[in-house]
């Protein structure tokens, strides 16, 4: 039983280490950075387009 428990413990620790390594790789990968950067650029463009293309309401001329 002890050998089986040791083997299972080793497998669990190894899979946890691999999982952590994969997560770190995915988070630091350039594709992730490109996606985040693209989302920021897209949001900024959307905001600027709304700001500058919105119709400016002119005040009504005063009645004389």
Protein backbone atom coordinates (compact mmCIF):
# COMPACT_ATOMS: atom_id res chain seq x y z
CA UNK A 1 0.00 0.00 0.00
CA UNK A 2 2.77 2.46 0.83
CA UNK A 3 4.35 2.09 -2.60
CA UNK A 4 1.01 2.72 -4.30
CA UNK A 5 0.33 5.80 -2.17
CA UNK A 6 3.82 7.12 -2.90
CA UNK A 7 3.33 6.57 -6.63
CA UNK A 8 -0.04 8.34 -6.59
CA UNK A 9 1.42 11.20 -4.61
CA UNK A 10 4.27 11.54 -7.11
CA UNK A 11 1.86 11.52 -10.06
CA UNK A 12 -0.35 14.14 -8.40
CA UNK A 13 2.60 16.41 -7.63
CA UNK A 14 3.94 16.03 -11.18
CA UNK A 15 0.59 16.81 -12.76
CA UNK A 16 0.20 19.85 -10.51
CA UNK A 17 3.63 21.11 -11.53
CA UNK A 18 2.85 20.58 -15.21
CA UNK A 19 -0.50 22.31 -14.83
CA UNK A 20 1.14 25.28 -13.13
CA UNK A 21 3.79 25.45 -15.85
CA UNK A 22 1.18 25.38 -18.59
CA UNK A 23 -0.82 28.16 -16.91
CA UNK A 24 2.29 30.32 -16.59
CA UNK A 25 3.16 29.72 -20.25
CA UNK A 26 -0.32 30.60 -21.45
CA UNK A 27 -0.46 33.76 -19.36
CA UNK A 28 2.91 34.96 -20.55
CA UNK A 29 2.52 33.94 -24.18
CA UNK A 30 2.64 36.71 -26.80
CA UNK A 31 -0.72 35.68 -28.24
CA UNK A 32 -2.36 36.47 -24.93
CA UNK A 33 -0.68 39.85 -24.91
CA UNK A 34 -1.84 40.49 -28.47
CA UNK A 35 -5.43 39.64 -27.57
CA UNK A 36 -5.43 41.98 -24.59
CA UNK A 37 -3.75 44.73 -26.63
CA UNK A 38 -6.25 44.30 -29.44
CA UNK A 39 -9.14 44.56 -27.01
CA UNK A 40 -7.70 47.78 -25.58
CA UNK A 41 -7.16 49.29 -29.03
CA UNK A 42 -10.66 48.25 -30.08
CA UNK A 43 -12.25 49.78 -26.98
CA UNK A 44 -10.28 53.00 -27.46
CA UNK A 45 -11.28 53.23 -31.12
CA UNK A 46 -14.92 52.64 -30.22
CA UNK A 47 -14.80 55.38 -27.60
CA UNK A 48 -13.09 57.87 -29.95
CA UNK A 49 -15.49 57.15 -32.81
CA UNK A 50 -18.46 57.77 -30.52
CA UNK A 51 -16.88 60.93 -29.16
CA UNK A 52 -15.98 62.56 -32.49
CA UNK A 53 -18.73 61.30 -34.76
CA UNK A 54 -21.60 62.10 -32.41
CA UNK A 55 -23.82 64.81 -33.83
CA UNK A 56 -23.21 68.07 -32.04
CA UNK A 57 -26.47 69.59 -31.06
CA UNK A 58 -26.52 73.29 -31.78
CA UNK A 59 -28.51 75.48 -29.46
CA UNK A 60 -31.76 76.75 -30.92
CA UNK A 61 -31.58 80.39 -32.04
CA UNK A 62 -33.05 82.79 -29.55
CA UNK A 63 -36.45 84.19 -30.48
CA UNK A 64 -36.25 87.90 -31.20
